[in-house]
């Protein structure tokens, strides 16, 4: 599963919206079978999502499907229908612990076998929106197939109801939770950790501030609910051209020093050593992978 800076929700029962999301420049679509779909449209949405996956498979836009949770009566049919060539990952809602992820792993494996797909090809992206999942995040991050984590920090949604915090744009009330998710992801070796989501459609300045704060905290991307947010998020979570150029100069300066026998060098007034170079190379590799 590639790292995505922008993941745009598309209601599963509105397949024509998927093309709008692609045109908006979203790095990945989240074809939704859960909260965005009314109960009477669930069956039709499942068929629409399968058809959308088939139509968009192999394109430049990643495809993630949010299935219904284990506590519903729908998850089995969802997994059987949407695990098919072209799906990069399933977004797992209302996860409580590692056992939930293991259950989805078994279902996805069975669906891969049924469709003749390579086993292990469809990743899992748990959504941390319950108090128990946030408590068990380290175990969840290390569970089978998990390729990334989504921290739910939106206003007045499942996480705020469960935890009991009062949402503010500054986000101090979720700082510990958001930091904990990033640390658990990195500890498990996961590169892909995303935040969700900014709900005020018209407040692009607020969106930018929210994205910048989470980028600085260690998040690599953001889940979105409107195409107008895609450009801002793609920009914020990407290193700027000036940053990329500076990091390339930094690496080159260190390599010249290393060739001369120095383990540390001065670079544009700063003392740098191997740790700085490893960080620079990681940022540059991420930029190249997303743009490549």
Protein backbone atom coordinates (compact mmCIF):
# COMPACT_ATOMS: atom_id res chain seq x y z
CA UNK A 1 0.00 0.00 0.00
CA UNK A 2 1.50 3.31 -1.10
CA UNK A 3 1.46 6.31 1.21
CA UNK A 4 -1.41 8.66 0.35
CA UNK A 5 -1.54 12.31 1.33
CA UNK A 6 -5.22 12.75 0.53
CA UNK A 7 -7.91 10.08 0.90
CA UNK A 8 -11.33 11.32 -0.19
CA UNK A 9 -14.54 9.65 0.97
CA UNK A 10 -17.01 8.70 -1.76
CA UNK A 11 -20.45 7.33 -0.71
CA UNK A 12 -20.73 3.84 -2.13
CA UNK A 13 -24.25 4.36 -3.46
CA UNK A 14 -23.17 7.38 -5.54
CA UNK A 15 -20.71 5.87 -8.04
CA UNK A 16 -20.55 8.96 -10.26
CA UNK A 17 -18.90 10.83 -7.38
CA UNK A 18 -15.83 8.61 -7.73
CA UNK A 19 -14.89 10.22 -11.04
CA UNK A 20 -15.24 13.68 -9.49
CA UNK A 21 -12.90 12.60 -6.70
CA UNK A 22 -10.34 11.37 -9.21
CA UNK A 23 -10.55 14.66 -11.14
CA UNK A 24 -10.04 16.56 -7.89
CA UNK A 25 -6.59 14.99 -7.59
CA UNK A 26 -7.14 12.82 -4.53
CA UNK A 27 -4.31 10.35 -4.07
CA UNK A 28 -6.81 7.70 -2.98
CA UNK A 29 -10.56 7.19 -2.83
CA UNK A 30 -12.33 5.71 0.17
CA UNK A 31 -15.39 4.03 -1.32
CA UNK A 32 -17.70 3.98 1.67
CA UNK A 33 -20.13 1.22 2.56
CA UNK A 34 -20.60 2.33 6.17
CA UNK A 35 -21.81 5.63 7.64
CA UNK A 36 -22.29 7.53 4.37
CA UNK A 37 -24.73 4.93 3.04
CA UNK A 38 -28.33 4.74 4.34
CA UNK A 39 -29.56 1.28 5.39
CA UNK A 40 -31.89 0.88 2.43
CA UNK A 41 -29.01 1.50 0.00
CA UNK A 42 -26.44 -0.90 1.49
CA UNK A 43 -26.96 -3.73 -1.00
CA UNK A 44 -26.91 -1.43 -4.00
CA UNK A 45 -23.85 0.36 -2.65
CA UNK A 46 -21.97 -2.92 -2.40
CA UNK A 47 -22.65 -3.64 -6.08
CA UNK A 48 -21.74 -0.10 -7.11
CA UNK A 49 -18.45 -0.22 -5.21
CA UNK A 50 -17.47 -3.53 -6.79
CA UNK A 51 -18.19 -2.09 -10.24
CA UNK A 52 -16.26 1.11 -9.43
CA UNK A 53 -13.25 -0.90 -8.32
CA UNK A 54 -13.30 -2.88 -11.56
CA UNK A 55 -13.55 0.32 -13.58
CA UNK A 56 -10.76 2.22 -11.81
CA UNK A 57 -8.39 -0.70 -11.16
CA UNK A 58 -4.92 -0.11 -12.48
CA UNK A 59 -5.27 3.67 -12.52
CA UNK A 60 -3.09 6.17 -10.68
CA UNK A 61 -5.58 6.71 -7.85
CA UNK A 62 -5.47 4.36 -4.87
CA UNK A 63 -8.65 2.51 -3.94
CA UNK A 64 -9.63 1.92 -0.32
CA UNK A 65 -13.02 0.55 0.73
CA UNK A 66 -14.58 1.22 4.13
CA UNK A 67 -16.63 -1.84 4.97
CA UNK A 68 -19.25 -2.13 7.68
CA UNK A 69 -18.06 -3.08 11.19
CA UNK A 70 -18.02 -6.50 12.78
CA UNK A 71 -20.90 -5.49 15.03
CA UNK A 72 -23.14 -5.21 11.95
CA UNK A 73 -24.71 -7.98 9.87
CA UNK A 74 -23.07 -6.69 6.69
CA UNK A 75 -19.31 -7.06 7.01
CA UNK A 76 -19.10 -10.57 5.55
CA UNK A 77 -20.96 -9.69 2.38
CA UNK A 78 -18.95 -6.47 2.09
CA UNK A 79 -15.60 -8.23 2.24
CA UNK A 80 -16.66 -10.99 -0.15
CA UNK A 81 -17.87 -8.44 -2.70
CA UNK A 82 -15.13 -5.81 -2.63
CA UNK A 83 -11.93 -7.80 -2.13
CA UNK A 84 -11.01 -7.96 -5.79
CA UNK A 85 -8.14 -6.87 -8.04
CA UNK A 86 -7.70 -3.12 -7.77
CA UNK A 87 -8.44 -2.73 -4.06
CA UNK A 88 -5.40 -1.54 -2.14
CA UNK A 89 -6.84 -1.67 1.37
CA UNK A 90 -9.92 -1.91 3.54
CA UNK A 91 -10.60 0.83 6.06
CA UNK A 92 -11.87 -0.91 9.20
CA UNK A 93 -14.39 1.06 11.26
CA UNK A 94 -15.18 0.69 14.95
CA UNK A 95 -12.24 -1.52 15.77
CA UNK A 96 -11.85 -2.38 19.46
CA UNK A 97 -8.73 -4.54 19.57
CA UNK A 98 -6.32 -6.84 17.78
CA UNK A 99 -8.86 -9.68 17.59
CA UNK A 100 -11.08 -7.55 15.35
CA UNK A 101 -8.23 -7.04 12.91
CA UNK A 102 -7.42 -10.76 12.97
CA UNK A 103 -11.05 -11.53 12.10
CA UNK A 104 -10.91 -9.22 9.10
CA UNK A 105 -7.56 -10.73 8.09
CA UNK A 106 -9.19 -14.17 7.90
CA UNK A 107 -12.14 -12.88 5.88
CA UNK A 108 -9.92 -11.02 3.44
CA UNK A 109 -7.66 -14.04 3.02
CA UNK A 110 -10.64 -16.24 2.21
CA UNK A 111 -11.89 -13.71 -0.35
CA UNK A 112 -8.44 -13.50 -1.96
CA UNK A 113 -8.35 -17.28 -2.32
CA UNK A 114 -11.87 -17.33 -3.77
CA UNK A 115 -10.91 -14.77 -6.44
CA UNK A 116 -7.52 -16.30 -7.21
CA UNK A 117 -5.66 -13.28 -5.88
CA UNK A 118 -2.26 -13.38 -4.18
CA UNK A 119 -2.73 -13.77 -0.44
CA UNK A 120 -1.79 -10.72 1.59
CA UNK A 121 -2.19 -8.24 -1.23
CA UNK A 122 -5.09 -6.28 0.29
CA UNK A 123 -3.92 -4.24 3.27
CA UNK A 124 -5.91 -3.25 6.36
CA UNK A 125 -6.18 0.29 7.67
CA UNK A 126 -7.83 0.30 11.12
CA UNK A 127 -9.76 3.42 12.07
CA UNK A 128 -9.09 4.31 15.70
CA UNK A 129 -12.42 5.78 16.76
CA UNK A 130 -13.19 3.86 19.96
CA UNK A 131 -11.70 4.30 23.41
CA UNK A 132 -10.65 0.64 23.47
CA UNK A 133 -8.89 0.88 20.13
CA UNK A 134 -6.92 3.90 21.29
CA UNK A 135 -5.95 2.00 24.43
CA UNK A 136 -4.91 -1.04 22.36
CA UNK A 137 -3.31 0.84 19.50
CA UNK A 138 0.10 -0.83 19.87
CA UNK A 139 -1.40 -4.31 19.47
CA UNK A 140 -3.60 -3.17 16.60
CA UNK A 141 -0.65 -1.62 14.76
CA UNK A 142 1.22 -4.94 14.94
CA UNK A 143 -1.73 -7.07 13.78
CA UNK A 144 -1.73 -9.01 10.47
CA UNK A 145 -2.09 -7.03 7.22
CA UNK A 146 -2.07 -3.66 8.96
CA UNK A 147 -0.28 -1.22 6.66
CA UNK A 148 -1.24 1.99 8.39
CA UNK A 149 -3.50 3.63 10.93
CA UNK A 150 -6.19 6.28 10.81
CA UNK A 151 -6.70 8.43 13.87
CA UNK A 152 -10.24 9.79 14.16
CA UNK A 153 -10.17 13.29 15.64
CA UNK A 154 -13.18 14.95 14.03
CA UNK A 155 -15.78 17.09 15.74
CA UNK A 156 -18.69 15.34 17.48
CA UNK A 157 -18.14 11.89 15.97
CA UNK A 158 -17.56 8.40 17.37
CA UNK A 159 -14.21 9.20 18.96
CA UNK A 160 -15.41 12.36 20.70
CA UNK A 161 -18.51 10.57 21.97
CA UNK A 162 -16.55 7.60 23.26
CA UNK A 163 -13.69 9.51 24.83
CA UNK A 164 -15.81 12.45 25.91
CA UNK A 165 -13.61 15.29 24.70
CA UNK A 166 -14.98 18.64 23.58
CA UNK A 167 -13.56 19.37 20.15
CA UNK A 168 -11.72 22.61 19.40
CA UNK A 169 -9.94 23.69 16.20
CA UNK A 170 -6.63 23.92 18.09
CA UNK A 171 -6.92 20.26 19.05
CA UNK A 172 -5.29 20.33 22.48
CA UNK A 173 -7.94 17.89 23.74
CA UNK A 174 -6.81 15.23 21.23
CA UNK A 175 -3.07 15.95 21.23
CA UNK A 176 -2.24 12.98 23.45
CA UNK A 177 -4.42 10.61 21.41
CA UNK A 178 -3.03 11.79 18.08
CA UNK A 179 0.54 11.56 19.35
CA UNK A 180 -0.07 8.08 20.72
CA UNK A 181 -1.27 6.84 17.34
CA UNK A 182 1.79 8.20 15.53
CA UNK A 183 4.14 6.63 18.08
CA UNK A 184 2.39 3.25 17.86
CA UNK A 185 2.56 3.32 14.07
CA UNK A 186 6.26 4.13 13.99
CA UNK A 187 7.00 1.54 16.68
CA UNK A 188 5.31 -1.10 14.51
CA UNK A 189 7.25 0.03 11.45
CA UNK A 190 4.22 1.56 9.74
CA UNK A 191 4.92 4.46 7.40
CA UNK A 192 1.31 5.29 6.57
CA UNK A 193 -0.55 7.14 9.33
CA UNK A 194 -3.38 9.51 8.47
CA UNK A 195 -5.69 11.83 10.38
CA UNK A 196 -9.40 12.39 9.92
CA UNK A 197 -10.99 14.82 9.37
CA UNK A 198 -11.79 18.54 8.91
CA UNK A 199 -15.56 19.03 8.67
CA UNK A 200 -15.99 22.76 7.98
CA UNK A 201 -16.20 22.64 4.20
CA UNK A 202 -15.81 26.37 3.61
CA UNK A 203 -13.03 27.07 6.11
CA UNK A 204 -9.93 26.40 4.04
CA UNK A 205 -7.72 28.43 6.38
CA UNK A 206 -8.82 26.22 9.25
CA UNK A 207 -8.20 23.15 7.12
CA UNK A 208 -4.68 24.30 6.37
CA UNK A 209 -3.91 24.99 10.03
CA UNK A 210 -5.31 21.58 11.02
CA UNK A 211 -3.27 19.82 8.34
CA UNK A 212 -0.08 21.68 9.20
CA UNK A 213 -0.43 20.83 12.90
CA UNK A 214 -0.89 17.14 12.16
CA UNK A 215 1.91 17.08 9.60
CA UNK A 216 4.23 18.53 12.22
CA UNK A 217 3.06 15.84 14.65
CA UNK A 218 4.10 13.09 12.24
CA UNK A 219 1.02 12.37 10.12
CA UNK A 220 1.60 11.75 6.45
CA UNK A 221 -1.87 12.39 5.09
CA UNK A 222 -5.48 13.20 5.79
CA UNK A 223 -8.92 11.74 5.20
CA UNK A 224 -11.27 14.19 3.47
CA UNK A 225 -14.98 14.61 2.86
CA UNK A 226 -14.97 17.25 0.10
CA UNK A 227 -13.05 17.62 -3.19
CA UNK A 228 -12.30 21.28 -2.43
CA UNK A 229 -9.97 20.15 0.37
CA UNK A 230 -7.76 17.96 -1.80
CA UNK A 231 -5.39 20.60 -3.18
CA UNK A 232 -4.66 22.11 0.23
CA UNK A 233 -3.98 18.74 1.85
CA UNK A 234 -1.79 17.52 -1.00
CA UNK A 235 0.27 20.68 -0.70
CA UNK A 236 0.60 20.66 3.09
CA UNK A 237 1.66 17.03 3.45
CA UNK A 238 4.21 17.23 0.63
CA UNK A 239 7.69 18.63 1.26
CA UNK A 240 8.03 21.94 -0.55
CA UNK A 241 10.37 22.19 -3.55
CA UNK A 242 12.64 24.40 -1.44
CA UNK A 243 12.74 21.77 1.30
CA UNK A 244 13.50 18.99 -1.17
CA UNK A 245 16.32 21.00 -2.73
CA UNK A 246 17.80 21.84 0.68
CA UNK A 247 17.75 18.21 1.77
CA UNK A 248 19.49 17.16 -1.43
CA UNK A 249 22.20 19.73 -0.78
CA UNK A 250 22.49 18.46 2.79
CA UNK A 251 22.98 14.87 1.66
CA UNK A 252 25.54 15.92 -0.93
CA UNK A 253 27.46 17.97 1.64
CA UNK A 254 27.59 15.08 4.06
CA UNK A 255 28.69 12.63 1.37
CA UNK A 256 31.52 14.94 0.37
CA UNK A 257 32.60 15.15 3.99
CA UNK A 258 32.35 11.38 4.43
CA UNK A 259 34.57 10.83 1.40
CA UNK A 260 37.13 13.09 3.07
CA UNK A 261 36.94 11.04 6.27
CA UNK A 262 34.60 13.26 8.32
CA UNK A 263 31.67 11.83 10.29
CA UNK A 264 30.15 15.27 10.82
CA UNK A 265 30.25 18.40 8.67
CA UNK A 266 29.04 21.98 8.64
CA UNK A 267 26.14 22.60 6.27
CA UNK A 268 24.85 26.13 5.70
CA UNK A 269 25.76 27.09 9.25
CA UNK A 270 24.47 23.91 10.91
CA UNK A 271 26.30 20.93 12.33
CA UNK A 272 25.04 17.73 10.68
CA UNK A 273 25.94 14.07 10.96
CA UNK A 274 24.57 10.71 9.83
CA UNK A 275 21.30 11.07 11.77
CA UNK A 276 20.42 14.20 9.80
CA UNK A 277 21.26 12.47 6.53
CA UNK A 278 19.11 9.45 7.32
CA UNK A 279 16.18 11.78 8.04
CA UNK A 280 16.78 13.69 4.81
CA UNK A 281 16.92 10.50 2.77
CA UNK A 282 13.66 9.29 4.30
CA UNK A 283 11.87 12.52 3.40
CA UNK A 284 13.31 12.48 -0.13
CA UNK A 285 12.36 8.84 -0.65
CA UNK A 286 8.78 9.57 0.43
CA UNK A 287 8.57 12.53 -1.94
CA UNK A 288 9.94 10.48 -4.83
CA UNK A 289 7.57 7.57 -4.13
CA UNK A 290 4.47 9.75 -4.08
CA UNK A 291 5.42 11.75 -7.15
CA UNK A 292 6.76 8.78 -9.09
